PDB file of N, CA and C in Angstrom:
ATOM      1  N   UNK A   1     169.863  25.954 160.581  1.00  0.00           N
ATOM      2  CA  UNK A   1     168.887  25.551 159.658  1.00  0.00           C
ATOM      3  C   UNK A   1     168.257  24.097 159.819  1.00  0.00           C
ATOM      4  N   UNK A   2     166.348  23.787 159.737  1.00  0.00           N
ATOM      5  CA  UNK A   2     166.826  22.368 160.186  1.00  0.00           C
ATOM      6  C   UNK A   2     167.043  22.211 158.850  1.00  0.00           C
ATOM      7  N   UNK A   3     166.834  20.787 158.495  1.00  0.00           N
ATOM      8  CA  UNK A   3     166.505  20.085 157.454  1.00  0.00           C
ATOM      9  C   UNK A   3     165.756  19.311 157.339  1.00  0.00           C
ATOM     10  N   UNK A   4     164.132  19.737 157.776  1.00  0.00           N
ATOM     11  CA  UNK A   4     163.427  18.827 157.639  1.00  0.00           C
ATOM     12  C   UNK A   4     162.216  20.145 158.079  1.00  0.00           C
ATOM     13  N   UNK A   5     161.026  19.887 157.976  1.00  0.00           N
ATOM     14  CA  UNK A   5     159.946  20.459 158.200  1.00  0.00           C
ATOM     15  C   UNK A   5     158.928  19.325 158.583  1.00  0.00           C
ATOM     16  N   UNK A   6     157.410  20.169 159.626  1.00  0.00           N
ATOM     17  CA  UNK A   6     156.663  19.316 160.123  1.00  0.00           C
ATOM     18  C   UNK A   6     155.570  20.219 160.184  1.00  0.00           C
ATOM     19  N   UNK A   7     154.190  19.754 160.008  1.00  0.00           N
ATOM     20  CA  UNK A   7     153.209  20.216 160.456  1.00  0.00           C
ATOM     21  C   UNK A   7     152.319  19.604 160.654  1.00  0.00           C
ATOM     22  N   UNK A   8     150.734  19.822 161.688  1.00  0.00           N
ATOM     23  CA  UNK A   8     149.868  18.970 162.249  1.00  0.00           C
ATOM     24  C   UNK A   8     148.724  19.743 161.555  1.00  0.00           C
ATOM     25  N   UNK A   9     148.211  18.679 160.681  1.00  0.00           N
ATOM     26  CA  UNK A   9     146.779  18.245 159.543  1.00  0.00           C
ATOM     27  C   UNK A   9     145.661  18.171 160.670  1.00  0.00           C
ATOM     28  N   UNK A  10     145.680  17.895 161.710  1.00  0.00           N
ATOM     29  CA  UNK A  10     144.389  17.234 162.487  1.00  0.00           C
ATOM     30  C   UNK A  10     144.025  16.481 162.190  1.00  0.00           C
ATOM     31  N   UNK A  11     142.891  15.750 162.701  1.00  0.00           N
ATOM     32  CA  UNK A  11     142.301  14.668 162.158  1.00  0.00           C
ATOM     33  C   UNK A  11     141.741  14.648 161.129  1.00  0.00           C
ATOM     34  N   UNK A  12     141.158  13.777 160.235  1.00  0.00           N
ATOM     35  CA  UNK A  12     140.429  12.953 158.981  1.00  0.00           C
ATOM     36  C   UNK A  12     138.825  13.880 159.459  1.00  0.00           C
ATOM     37  N   UNK A  13     138.616  14.344 160.117  1.00  0.00           N
ATOM     38  CA  UNK A  13     137.467  15.017 160.761  1.00  0.00           C
ATOM     39  C   UNK A  13     137.368  16.365 160.205  1.00  0.00           C
ATOM     40  N   UNK A  14     138.578  16.884 160.955  1.00  0.00           N
ATOM     41  CA  UNK A  14     139.166  18.349 160.447  1.00  0.00           C
ATOM     42  C   UNK A  14     139.451  18.529 159.483  1.00  0.00           C
ATOM     43  N   UNK A  15     140.333  17.725 158.533  1.00  0.00           N
ATOM     44  CA  UNK A  15     139.781  17.906 157.031  1.00  0.00           C
ATOM     45  C   UNK A  15     138.993  17.860 156.301  1.00  0.00           C
ATOM     46  N   UNK A  16     138.196  17.306 156.595  1.00  0.00           N
ATOM     47  CA  UNK A  16     136.689  17.403 155.917  1.00  0.00           C
ATOM     48  C   UNK A  16     136.066  18.594 156.356  1.00  0.00           C
ATOM     49  N   UNK A  17     136.544  19.137 156.915  1.00  0.00           N
ATOM     50  CA  UNK A  17     135.873  20.775 157.251  1.00  0.00           C
ATOM     51  C   UNK A  17     136.232  21.521 156.452  1.00  0.00           C
ATOM     52  N   UNK A  18     137.734  21.315 156.035  1.00  0.00           N
ATOM     53  CA  UNK A  18     138.754  22.366 155.257  1.00  0.00           C
ATOM     54  C   UNK A  18     137.647  22.551 154.111  1.00  0.00           C
ATOM     55  N   UNK A  19     137.960  23.738 153.737  1.00  0.00           N
ATOM     56  CA  UNK A  19     137.673  24.471 152.305  1.00  0.00           C
ATOM     57  C   UNK A  19     137.315  22.767 151.081  1.00  0.00           C
ATOM     58  N   UNK A  20     136.340  22.458 150.495  1.00  0.00           N
ATOM     59  CA  UNK A  20     136.678  21.536 149.624  1.00  0.00           C
ATOM     60  C   UNK A  20     137.042  19.926 150.448  1.00  0.00           C
ATOM     61  N   UNK A  21     137.089  20.277 151.359  1.00  0.00           N
ATOM     62  CA  UNK A  21     137.563  19.230 151.951  1.00  0.00           C
ATOM     63  C   UNK A  21     138.729  18.106 151.919  1.00  0.00           C
ATOM     64  N   UNK A  22     139.834  19.306 151.609  1.00  0.00           N
ATOM     65  CA  UNK A  22     141.615  19.324 151.081  1.00  0.00           C
ATOM     66  C   UNK A  22     141.957  19.892 152.218  1.00  0.00           C
ATOM     67  N   UNK A  23     143.764  19.355 151.912  1.00  0.00           N
ATOM     68  CA  UNK A  23     144.368  19.984 152.861  1.00  0.00           C
ATOM     69  C   UNK A  23     145.975  20.250 151.756  1.00  0.00           C
ATOM     70  N   UNK A  24     146.580  21.407 151.452  1.00  0.00           N
ATOM     71  CA  UNK A  24     147.188  20.765 150.578  1.00  0.00           C
ATOM     72  C   UNK A  24     149.158  21.199 151.422  1.00  0.00           C
ATOM     73  N   UNK A  25     149.911  20.447 151.240  1.00  0.00           N
ATOM     74  CA  UNK A  25     150.752  20.295 151.812  1.00  0.00           C
ATOM     75  C   UNK A  25     151.869  21.134 151.607  1.00  0.00           C
ATOM     76  N   UNK A  26     152.382  21.540 149.978  1.00  0.00           N
ATOM     77  CA  UNK A  26     153.482  22.175 149.470  1.00  0.00           C
ATOM     78  C   UNK A  26     153.862  23.526 150.233  1.00  0.00           C
ATOM     79  N   UNK A  27     153.025  24.589 150.533  1.00  0.00           N
ATOM     80  CA  UNK A  27     153.557  25.446 151.377  1.00  0.00           C
ATOM     81  C   UNK A  27     153.326  25.380 153.016  1.00  0.00           C
ATOM     82  N   UNK A  28     152.858  24.858 153.967  1.00  0.00           N
ATOM     83  CA  UNK A  28     152.951  23.756 155.321  1.00  0.00           C
ATOM     84  C   UNK A  28     154.142  23.195 155.132  1.00  0.00           C
ATOM     85  N   UNK A  29     155.116  22.390 154.128  1.00  0.00           N
ATOM     86  CA  UNK A  29     155.979  21.784 154.657  1.00  0.00           C
ATOM     87  C   UNK A  29     157.520  22.444 153.365  1.00  0.00           C
ATOM     88  N   UNK A  30     156.838  23.130 153.027  1.00  0.00           N
ATOM     89  CA  UNK A  30     157.698  23.967 151.951  1.00  0.00           C
ATOM     90  C   UNK A  30     158.560  23.231 150.783  1.00  0.00           C
ATOM     91  N   UNK A  31     157.539  22.327 150.434  1.00  0.00           N
ATOM     92  CA  UNK A  31     157.886  21.074 149.427  1.00  0.00           C
ATOM     93  C   UNK A  31     158.663  22.024 148.129  1.00  0.00           C
ATOM     94  N   UNK A  32     158.798  21.095 147.297  1.00  0.00           N
ATOM     95  CA  UNK A  32     160.370  21.673 146.319  1.00  0.00           C
ATOM     96  C   UNK A  32     160.238  20.609 145.070  1.00  0.00           C
ATOM     97  N   UNK A  33     159.413  19.481 145.602  1.00  0.00           N
ATOM     98  CA  UNK A  33     159.550  18.750 144.481  1.00  0.00           C
ATOM     99  C   UNK A  33     157.857  18.194 143.866  1.00  0.00           C
ATOM    100  N   UNK A  34     157.219  18.277 145.199  1.00  0.00           N
ATOM    101  CA  UNK A  34     155.856  17.728 145.095  1.00  0.00           C
ATOM    102  C   UNK A  34     154.751  18.774 145.277  1.00  0.00           C
ATOM    103  N   UNK A  35     153.569  18.380 145.671  1.00  0.00           N
ATOM    104  CA  UNK A  35     152.379  18.721 146.241  1.00  0.00           C
ATOM    105  C   UNK A  35     151.691  18.045 146.293  1.00  0.00           C
ATOM    106  N   UNK A  36     150.966  18.032 147.682  1.00  0.00           N
ATOM    107  CA  UNK A  36     150.449  16.677 148.211  1.00  0.00           C
ATOM    108  C   UNK A  36     149.016  16.936 149.062  1.00  0.00           C
ATOM    109  N   UNK A  37     147.843  17.100 148.617  1.00  0.00           N
ATOM    110  CA  UNK A  37     146.981  16.832 149.405  1.00  0.00           C
ATOM    111  C   UNK A  37     146.319  16.034 150.041  1.00  0.00           C
ATOM    112  N   UNK A  38     146.036  16.186 151.305  1.00  0.00           N
ATOM    113  CA  UNK A  38     144.927  15.166 151.974  1.00  0.00           C
ATOM    114  C   UNK A  38     143.605  15.408 151.615  1.00  0.00           C
ATOM    115  N   UNK A  39     142.681  14.503 151.860  1.00  0.00           N
ATOM    116  CA  UNK A  39     141.407  14.818 151.292  1.00  0.00           C
ATOM    117  C   UNK A  39     140.648  13.618 151.640  1.00  0.00           C
ATOM    118  N   UNK A  40     139.556  14.707 152.558  1.00  0.00           N
ATOM    119  CA  UNK A  40     137.953  13.515 152.961  1.00  0.00           C
ATOM    120  C   UNK A  40     137.131  14.428 152.181  1.00  0.00           C
ATOM    121  N   UNK A  41     136.213  13.781 151.944  1.00  0.00           N
ATOM    122  CA  UNK A  41     134.508  14.478 150.402  1.00  0.00           C
ATOM    123  C   UNK A  41     133.812  13.659 150.913  1.00  0.00           C
ATOM    124  N   UNK A  42     132.546  13.959 151.074  1.00  0.00           N
ATOM    125  CA  UNK A  42     131.526  13.301 151.822  1.00  0.00           C
ATOM    126  C   UNK A  42     130.879  12.748 150.348  1.00  0.00           C
ATOM    127  N   UNK A  43     130.145  11.531 151.192  1.00  0.00           N
ATOM    128  CA  UNK A  43     129.047  10.711 149.874  1.00  0.00           C
ATOM    129  C   UNK A  43     128.270  12.216 148.762  1.00  0.00           C
ATOM    130  N   UNK A  44     128.552  11.604 148.194  1.00  0.00           N
ATOM    131  CA  UNK A  44     128.085  12.586 146.621  1.00  0.00           C
ATOM    132  C   UNK A  44     128.696  13.547 146.270  1.00  0.00           C
ATOM    133  N   UNK A  45     129.641  13.918 146.473  1.00  0.00           N
ATOM    134  CA  UNK A  45     130.802  14.598 146.348  1.00  0.00           C
ATOM    135  C   UNK A  45     130.996  14.324 144.810  1.00  0.00           C
ATOM    136  N   UNK A  46     131.152  14.775 143.513  1.00  0.00           N
ATOM    137  CA  UNK A  46     132.353  15.330 142.588  1.00  0.00           C
ATOM    138  C   UNK A  46     132.037  16.359 141.898  1.00  0.00           C
ATOM    139  N   UNK A  47     133.599  16.773 141.457  1.00  0.00           N
ATOM    140  CA  UNK A  47     134.023  17.644 140.676  1.00  0.00           C
ATOM    141  C   UNK A  47     133.678  17.908 139.318  1.00  0.00           C
ATOM    142  N   UNK A  48     133.305  19.288 139.679  1.00  0.00           N
ATOM    143  CA  UNK A  48     131.628  19.110 138.167  1.00  0.00           C
ATOM    144  C   UNK A  48     132.305  19.502 137.000  1.00  0.00           C
ATOM    145  N   UNK A  49     133.930  19.465 136.877  1.00  0.00           N
ATOM    146  CA  UNK A  49     134.842  19.525 135.718  1.00  0.00           C
ATOM    147  C   UNK A  49     135.540  18.762 135.924  1.00  0.00           C
ATOM    148  N   UNK A  50     135.908  18.415 134.213  1.00  0.00           N
ATOM    149  CA  UNK A  50     136.777  17.431 133.916  1.00  0.00           C
ATOM    150  C   UNK A  50     138.407  18.370 133.985  1.00  0.00           C
ATOM    151  N   UNK A  51     139.186  17.843 134.048  1.00  0.00           N
ATOM    152  CA  UNK A  51     141.079  18.331 134.325  1.00  0.00           C
ATOM    153  C   UNK A  51     141.632  18.212 134.055  1.00  0.00           C
ATOM    154  N   UNK A  52     142.694  18.439 133.632  1.00  0.00           N
ATOM    155  CA  UNK A  52     144.428  17.856 132.967  1.00  0.00           C
ATOM    156  C   UNK A  52     145.484  18.550 133.336  1.00  0.00           C
ATOM    157  N   UNK A  53     146.271  18.286 133.298  1.00  0.00           N
ATOM    158  CA  UNK A  53     147.981  18.972 133.845  1.00  0.00           C
ATOM    159  C   UNK A  53     148.714  19.477 132.585  1.00  0.00           C
ATOM    160  N   UNK A  54     149.393  20.528 132.944  1.00  0.00           N
ATOM    161  CA  UNK A  54     150.303  21.057 131.545  1.00  0.00           C
ATOM    162  C   UNK A  54     151.773  19.662 131.656  1.00  0.00           C
ATOM    163  N   UNK A  55     152.314  19.725 133.482  1.00  0.00           N
ATOM    164  CA  UNK A  55     153.345  18.937 133.645  1.00  0.00           C
ATOM    165  C   UNK A  55     153.408  18.188 134.756  1.00  0.00           C
ATOM    166  N   UNK A  56     152.696  17.682 135.696  1.00  0.00           N
ATOM    167  CA  UNK A  56     152.433  17.024 136.696  1.00  0.00           C
ATOM    168  C   UNK A  56     151.730  16.253 136.443  1.00  0.00           C
ATOM    169  N   UNK A  57     152.183  14.918 136.892  1.00  0.00           N
ATOM    170  CA  UNK A  57     151.277  13.564 136.718  1.00  0.00           C
ATOM    171  C   UNK A  57     150.644  13.438 138.653  1.00  0.00           C
ATOM    172  N   UNK A  58     149.348  13.117 138.163  1.00  0.00           N
ATOM    173  CA  UNK A  58     148.783  12.786 139.507  1.00  0.00           C
ATOM    174  C   UNK A  58     148.500  11.168 140.094  1.00  0.00           C
ATOM    175  N   UNK A  59     148.983  11.216 141.270  1.00  0.00           N
ATOM    176  CA  UNK A  59     148.742  10.119 142.221  1.00  0.00           C
ATOM    177  C   UNK A  59     147.855  10.081 142.988  1.00  0.00           C
ATOM    178  N   UNK A  60     147.168   9.479 143.535  1.00  0.00           N
ATOM    179  CA  UNK A  60     146.067   8.903 143.785  1.00  0.00           C
ATOM    180  C   UNK A  60     145.610   7.738 144.914  1.00  0.00           C
ATOM    181  N   UNK A  61     145.787   8.022 146.082  1.00  0.00           N
ATOM    182  CA  UNK A  61     146.394   6.593 147.241  1.00  0.00           C
ATOM    183  C   UNK A  61     144.650   6.677 147.745  1.00  0.00           C
ATOM    184  N   UNK A  62     143.906   5.703 148.010  1.00  0.00           N
ATOM    185  CA  UNK A  62     142.474   5.516 148.436  1.00  0.00           C
ATOM    186  C   UNK A  62     142.574   4.872 149.811  1.00  0.00           C
ATOM    187  N   UNK A  63     142.308   5.776 151.204  1.00  0.00           N
ATOM    188  CA  UNK A  63     142.570   5.496 152.493  1.00  0.00           C
ATOM    189  C   UNK A  63     141.321   5.007 152.928  1.00  0.00           C
ATOM    190  N   UNK A  64     140.010   5.274 152.918  1.00  0.00           N
ATOM    191  CA  UNK A  64     138.667   4.784 152.967  1.00  0.00           C
ATOM    192  C   UNK A  64     137.768   5.048 152.207  1.00  0.00           C
ATOM    193  N   UNK A  65     136.334   4.629 152.343  1.00  0.00           N
ATOM    194  CA  UNK A  65     135.759   4.835 151.502  1.00  0.00           C
ATOM    195  C   UNK A  65     135.250   4.453 149.802  1.00  0.00           C
ATOM    196  N   UNK A  66     134.542   4.345 148.716  1.00  0.00           N
ATOM    197  CA  UNK A  66     134.761   4.506 148.088  1.00  0.00           C
ATOM    198  C   UNK A  66     134.425   5.644 146.739  1.00  0.00           C
ATOM    199  N   UNK A  67     135.133   5.351 145.900  1.00  0.00           N
ATOM    200  CA  UNK A  67     134.723   6.248 144.614  1.00  0.00           C
ATOM    201  C   UNK A  67     134.792   5.614 142.909  1.00  0.00           C
ATOM    202  N   UNK A  68     135.258   7.062 142.075  1.00  0.00           N
ATOM    203  CA  UNK A  68     135.685   6.552 140.622  1.00  0.00           C
ATOM    204  C   UNK A  68     136.078   7.695 139.890  1.00  0.00           C
ATOM    205  N   UNK A  69     136.908   7.558 139.699  1.00  0.00           N
ATOM    206  CA  UNK A  69     138.126   8.440 138.762  1.00  0.00           C
ATOM    207  C   UNK A  69     137.452   8.103 137.311  1.00  0.00           C
ATOM    208  N   UNK A  70     137.081   9.193 136.648  1.00  0.00           N
ATOM    209  CA  UNK A  70     136.984   9.234 135.065  1.00  0.00           C
ATOM    210  C   UNK A  70     138.232   9.933 134.245  1.00  0.00           C
ATOM    211  N   UNK A  71     138.486   8.821 133.538  1.00  0.00           N
ATOM    212  CA  UNK A  71     139.800   9.139 133.024  1.00  0.00           C
ATOM    213  C   UNK A  71     139.321   8.710 131.393  1.00  0.00           C
ATOM    214  N   UNK A  72     139.587  10.254 130.991  1.00  0.00           N
ATOM    215  CA  UNK A  72     139.570  10.265 129.405  1.00  0.00           C
ATOM    216  C   UNK A  72     138.415   9.428 128.971  1.00  0.00           C
ATOM    217  N   UNK A  73     137.506   9.697 129.938  1.00  0.00           N
ATOM    218  CA  UNK A  73     136.109   8.864 129.425  1.00  0.00           C
ATOM    219  C   UNK A  73     135.969   7.485 130.263  1.00  0.00           C
ATOM    220  N   UNK A  74     136.963   6.813 130.653  1.00  0.00           N
ATOM    221  CA  UNK A  74     136.985   5.603 131.140  1.00  0.00           C
ATOM    222  C   UNK A  74     136.669   5.707 132.821  1.00  0.00           C
ATOM    223  N   UNK A  75     135.759   4.700 132.941  1.00  0.00           N
ATOM    224  CA  UNK A  75     135.632   4.815 134.652  1.00  0.00           C
ATOM    225  C   UNK A  75     136.192   3.564 135.552  1.00  0.00           C
ATOM    226  N   UNK A  76     137.172   4.275 136.299  1.00  0.00           N
ATOM    227  CA  UNK A  76     137.487   3.444 137.220  1.00  0.00           C
ATOM    228  C   UNK A  76     137.238   3.055 138.424  1.00  0.00           C
ATOM    229  N   UNK A  77     137.275   2.412 139.219  1.00  0.00           N
ATOM    230  CA  UNK A  77     136.447   2.071 140.146  1.00  0.00           C
ATOM    231  C   UNK A  77     137.729   2.331 141.641  1.00  0.00           C
ATOM    232  N   UNK A  78     137.190   3.020 142.830  1.00  0.00           N
ATOM    233  CA  UNK A  78     138.810   3.668 143.737  1.00  0.00           C
ATOM    234  C   UNK A  78     137.533   3.014 144.667  1.00  0.00           C
ATOM    235  N   UNK A  79     138.834   2.108 145.847  1.00  0.00           N
ATOM    236  CA  UNK A  79     138.424   1.811 147.344  1.00  0.00           C
ATOM    237  C   UNK A  79     139.890   2.095 147.814  1.00  0.00           C
ATOM    238  N   UNK A  80     139.456   1.220 149.205  1.00  0.00           N
ATOM    239  CA  UNK A  80     140.941   1.268 150.109  1.00  0.00           C
ATOM    240  C   UNK A  80     141.451   0.640 149.495  1.00  0.00           C
ATOM    241  N   UNK A  81     143.119   1.388 149.497  1.00  0.00           N
ATOM    242  CA  UNK A  81     144.262   0.403 148.768  1.00  0.00           C
ATOM    243  C   UNK A  81     144.118   0.980 147.298  1.00  0.00           C
ATOM    244  N   UNK A  82     143.508   1.182 146.415  1.00  0.00           N
ATOM    245  CA  UNK A  82     143.548   1.578 145.373  1.00  0.00           C
ATOM    246  C   UNK A  82     144.492   2.763 145.170  1.00  0.00           C
ATOM    247  N   UNK A  83     145.808   2.508 144.206  1.00  0.00           N
ATOM    248  CA  UNK A  83     146.690   3.464 144.265  1.00  0.00           C
ATOM    249  C   UNK A  83     146.442   3.824 142.509  1.00  0.00           C
ATOM    250  N   UNK A  84     146.613   4.928 142.359  1.00  0.00           N
ATOM    251  CA  UNK A  84     145.789   4.871 140.387  1.00  0.00           C
ATOM    252  C   UNK A  84     146.926   6.895 140.321  1.00  0.00           C
ATOM    253  N   UNK A  85     147.797   6.143 139.046  1.00  0.00           N
ATOM    254  CA  UNK A  85     148.706   7.335 138.584  1.00  0.00           C
ATOM    255  C   UNK A  85     147.847   8.168 137.194  1.00  0.00           C
ATOM    256  N   UNK A  86     147.771   8.777 137.113  1.00  0.00           N
ATOM    257  CA  UNK A  86     147.276   9.377 136.034  1.00  0.00           C
ATOM    258  C   UNK A  86     148.474  10.497 135.326  1.00  0.00           C
ATOM    259  N   UNK A  87     148.372  10.493 133.896  1.00  0.00           N
ATOM    260  CA  UNK A  87     149.457  11.194 133.103  1.00  0.00           C
ATOM    261  C   UNK A  87     149.144  12.483 133.048  1.00  0.00           C
ATOM    262  N   UNK A  88     149.818  13.479 132.805  1.00  0.00           N
ATOM    263  CA  UNK A  88     149.150  14.868 132.778  1.00  0.00           C
ATOM    264  C   UNK A  88     148.113  15.500 131.726  1.00  0.00           C
ATOM    265  N   UNK A  89     148.566  15.069 130.459  1.00  0.00           N
ATOM    266  CA  UNK A  89     147.589  14.904 129.491  1.00  0.00           C
ATOM    267  C   UNK A  89     146.295  14.246 129.332  1.00  0.00           C
ATOM    268  N   UNK A  90     146.127  13.194 130.853  1.00  0.00           N
ATOM    269  CA  UNK A  90     145.026  12.510 130.829  1.00  0.00           C
ATOM    270  C   UNK A  90     143.552  13.695 131.526  1.00  0.00           C
ATOM    271  N   UNK A  91     142.650  13.646 130.805  1.00  0.00           N
ATOM    272  CA  UNK A  91     141.907  14.692 131.256  1.00  0.00           C
ATOM    273  C   UNK A  91     140.467  13.582 132.403  1.00  0.00           C
ATOM    274  N   UNK A  92     140.491  13.916 133.554  1.00  0.00           N
ATOM    275  CA  UNK A  92     139.794  13.336 134.941  1.00  0.00           C
ATOM    276  C   UNK A  92     139.134  14.135 135.599  1.00  0.00           C
ATOM    277  N   UNK A  93     138.160  13.398 136.136  1.00  0.00           N
ATOM    278  CA  UNK A  93     137.353  14.224 137.650  1.00  0.00           C
ATOM    279  C   UNK A  93     137.394  12.457 138.483  1.00  0.00           C
ATOM    280  N   UNK A  94     136.813  13.455 139.803  1.00  0.00           N
ATOM    281  CA  UNK A  94     136.665  11.885 140.570  1.00  0.00           C
ATOM    282  C   UNK A  94     135.065  12.472 141.547  1.00  0.00           C
ATOM    283  N   UNK A  95     134.595  11.013 141.757  1.00  0.00           N
ATOM    284  CA  UNK A  95     133.597  10.932 142.404  1.00  0.00           C
ATOM    285  C   UNK A  95     133.773  10.350 143.788  1.00  0.00           C
ATOM    286  N   UNK A  96     132.615  10.613 144.681  1.00  0.00           N
ATOM    287  CA  UNK A  96     132.660   9.666 146.198  1.00  0.00           C
ATOM    288  C   UNK A  96     131.400   8.961 145.683  1.00  0.00           C
ATOM    289  N   UNK A  97     131.407   7.871 145.381  1.00  0.00           N
ATOM    290  CA  UNK A  97     130.217   7.118 144.852  1.00  0.00           C
ATOM    291  C   UNK A  97     129.175   5.927 146.094  1.00  0.00           C
ATOM    292  N   UNK A  98     130.240   6.659 147.059  1.00  0.00           N
ATOM    293  CA  UNK A  98     129.672   5.507 148.667  1.00  0.00           C
ATOM    294  C   UNK A  98     128.491   6.242 149.562  1.00  0.00           C
ATOM    295  N   UNK A  99     128.581   5.755 150.498  1.00  0.00           N
ATOM    296  CA  UNK A  99     128.042   5.949 151.514  1.00  0.00           C
ATOM    297  C   UNK A  99     128.551   6.968 152.754  1.00  0.00           C
ATOM    298  N   UNK A 100     129.563   6.735 152.641  1.00  0.00           N
ATOM    299  CA  UNK A 100     130.980   8.046 153.786  1.00  0.00           C
ATOM    300  C   UNK A 100     131.845   8.372 152.976  1.00  0.00           C
ATOM    301  N   UNK A 101     132.018   9.757 153.663  1.00  0.00           N
ATOM    302  CA  UNK A 101     133.262  10.307 152.944  1.00  0.00           C
ATOM    303  C   UNK A 101     134.383   9.343 152.821  1.00  0.00           C
ATOM    304  N   UNK A 102     134.502   9.610 151.715  1.00  0.00           N
ATOM    305  CA  UNK A 102     135.893   8.952 151.058  1.00  0.00           C
ATOM    306  C   UNK A 102     137.289   9.987 151.477  1.00  0.00           C
ATOM    307  N   UNK A 103     138.154   9.135 151.733  1.00  0.00           N
ATOM    308  CA  UNK A 103     139.691   9.686 152.296  1.00  0.00           C
ATOM    309  C   UNK A 103     140.601   9.481 151.177  1.00  0.00           C
ATOM    310  N   UNK A 104     141.415  10.281 150.961  1.00  0.00           N
ATOM    311  CA  UNK A 104     142.231   9.549 150.050  1.00  0.00           C
ATOM    312  C   UNK A 104     143.787  11.152 149.980  1.00  0.00           C
ATOM    313  N   UNK A 105     144.753  10.833 148.946  1.00  0.00           N
ATOM    314  CA  UNK A 105     146.138  11.175 149.592  1.00  0.00           C
ATOM    315  C   UNK A 105     146.246  11.848 147.540  1.00  0.00           C
ATOM    316  N   UNK A 106     146.756  12.934 147.293  1.00  0.00           N
ATOM    317  CA  UNK A 106     146.794  12.984 146.121  1.00  0.00           C
ATOM    318  C   UNK A 106     148.395  13.529 145.758  1.00  0.00           C
ATOM    319  N   UNK A 107     148.975  12.802 144.900  1.00  0.00           N
ATOM    320  CA  UNK A 107     150.190  13.734 145.140  1.00  0.00           C
ATOM    321  C   UNK A 107     150.876  14.317 143.708  1.00  0.00           C
ATOM    322  N   UNK A 108     150.687  15.258 143.222  1.00  0.00           N
ATOM    323  CA  UNK A 108     151.499  15.857 142.131  1.00  0.00           C
ATOM    324  C   UNK A 108     153.157  15.845 141.565  1.00  0.00           C
ATOM    325  N   UNK A 109     153.021  15.807 140.748  1.00  0.00           N
ATOM    326  CA  UNK A 109     154.960  15.475 140.540  1.00  0.00           C
ATOM    327  C   UNK A 109     155.207  15.679 139.388  1.00  0.00           C
ATOM    328  N   UNK A 110     156.240  16.195 139.002  1.00  0.00           N
ATOM    329  CA  UNK A 110     156.478  16.759 137.371  1.00  0.00           C
ATOM    330  C   UNK A 110     156.794  15.173 136.985  1.00  0.00           C
ATOM    331  N   UNK A 111     156.095  14.899 135.890  1.00  0.00           N
ATOM    332  CA  UNK A 111     156.216  13.422 135.201  1.00  0.00           C
ATOM    333  C   UNK A 111     157.207  13.553 134.335  1.00  0.00           C
ATOM    334  N   UNK A 112     157.894  12.231 134.562  1.00  0.00           N
ATOM    335  CA  UNK A 112     159.496  12.066 134.202  1.00  0.00           C
ATOM    336  C   UNK A 112     160.461  12.608 135.091  1.00  0.00           C
ATOM    337  N   UNK A 113     160.834  13.173 136.065  1.00  0.00           N
ATOM    338  CA  UNK A 113     160.889  13.890 136.721  1.00  0.00           C
ATOM    339  C   UNK A 113     161.926  13.328 137.852  1.00  0.00           C
ATOM    340  N   UNK A 114     161.606  11.984 138.231  1.00  0.00           N
ATOM    341  CA  UNK A 114     162.222  11.098 139.301  1.00  0.00           C
ATOM    342  C   UNK A 114     163.385  10.199 138.900  1.00  0.00           C
ATOM    343  N   UNK A 115     164.542  10.795 139.054  1.00  0.00           N
ATOM    344  CA  UNK A 115     165.857  10.549 138.552  1.00  0.00           C
ATOM    345  C   UNK A 115     166.005   8.890 139.401  1.00  0.00           C
ATOM    346  N   UNK A 116     165.949   9.159 140.586  1.00  0.00           N
ATOM    347  CA  UNK A 116     166.837   7.908 141.596  1.00  0.00           C
ATOM    348  C   UNK A 116     165.413   8.184 142.747  1.00  0.00           C
ATOM    349  N   UNK A 117     165.570   6.696 143.306  1.00  0.00           N
ATOM    350  CA  UNK A 117     164.052   6.969 143.774  1.00  0.00           C
ATOM    351  C   UNK A 117     165.131   5.207 144.796  1.00  0.00           C
ATOM    352  N   UNK A 118     164.332   4.951 146.010  1.00  0.00           N
ATOM    353  CA  UNK A 118     164.802   3.844 146.839  1.00  0.00           C
ATOM    354  C   UNK A 118     165.908   3.441 147.316  1.00  0.00           C
ATOM    355  N   UNK A 119     166.332   2.616 146.832  1.00  0.00           N
ATOM    356  CA  UNK A 119     167.889   2.585 147.638  1.00  0.00           C
ATOM    357  C   UNK A 119     169.057   3.493 146.718  1.00  0.00           C
ATOM    358  N   UNK A 120     168.473   3.409 145.574  1.00  0.00           N
ATOM    359  CA  UNK A 120     169.551   4.270 144.747  1.00  0.00           C
ATOM    360  C   UNK A 120     169.544   5.739 144.815  1.00  0.00           C
ATOM    361  N   UNK A 121     168.748   6.493 145.950  1.00  0.00           N
ATOM    362  CA  UNK A 121     168.549   7.421 146.309  1.00  0.00           C
ATOM    363  C   UNK A 121     169.222   7.278 148.149  1.00  0.00           C
ATOM    364  N   UNK A 122     170.283   6.803 148.249  1.00  0.00           N
ATOM    365  CA  UNK A 122     169.737   6.439 150.001  1.00  0.00           C
ATOM    366  C   UNK A 122     171.478   6.153 150.131  1.00  0.00           C
ATOM    367  N   UNK A 123     171.971   6.767 151.222  1.00  0.00           N
ATOM    368  CA  UNK A 123     173.898   6.402 151.254  1.00  0.00           C
ATOM    369  C   UNK A 123     173.503   6.249 152.832  1.00  0.00           C
ATOM    370  N   UNK A 124     174.327   5.018 153.142  1.00  0.00           N
ATOM    371  CA  UNK A 124     174.225   4.902 154.825  1.00  0.00           C
ATOM    372  C   UNK A 124     175.071   6.537 155.398  1.00  0.00           C
ATOM    373  N   UNK A 125     174.988   6.834 156.476  1.00  0.00           N
ATOM    374  CA  UNK A 125     175.339   7.750 157.159  1.00  0.00           C
ATOM    375  C   UNK A 125     175.793   7.428 158.611  1.00  0.00           C
TER     376      UNK A 125
END
């Protein structure tokens, strides 16, 4: 049995043509502690509803383009290099406010579930 999983996502142009401009990695990589989506959404795209989560925080990392995340009624600008963590109970929606595709990674993980990270969760072998 292999101790790793691999998948080929294709280019960001391929991802942009996927349903809703996103590809989920949970099933493709057999993830057990989080869900990750790779997203490429066109200019003018806006999720038409607010949503929140029951137990998962979300982390958004913008790779290219510009947008806005509205969190509990507060607008936060997003641009390349922006990283944003949103608590499960916060209502949120995202919008591409730029002229080009906005590309970002979204990670969902159980809020408060990380016990170790970085070198605390490593050993030399």
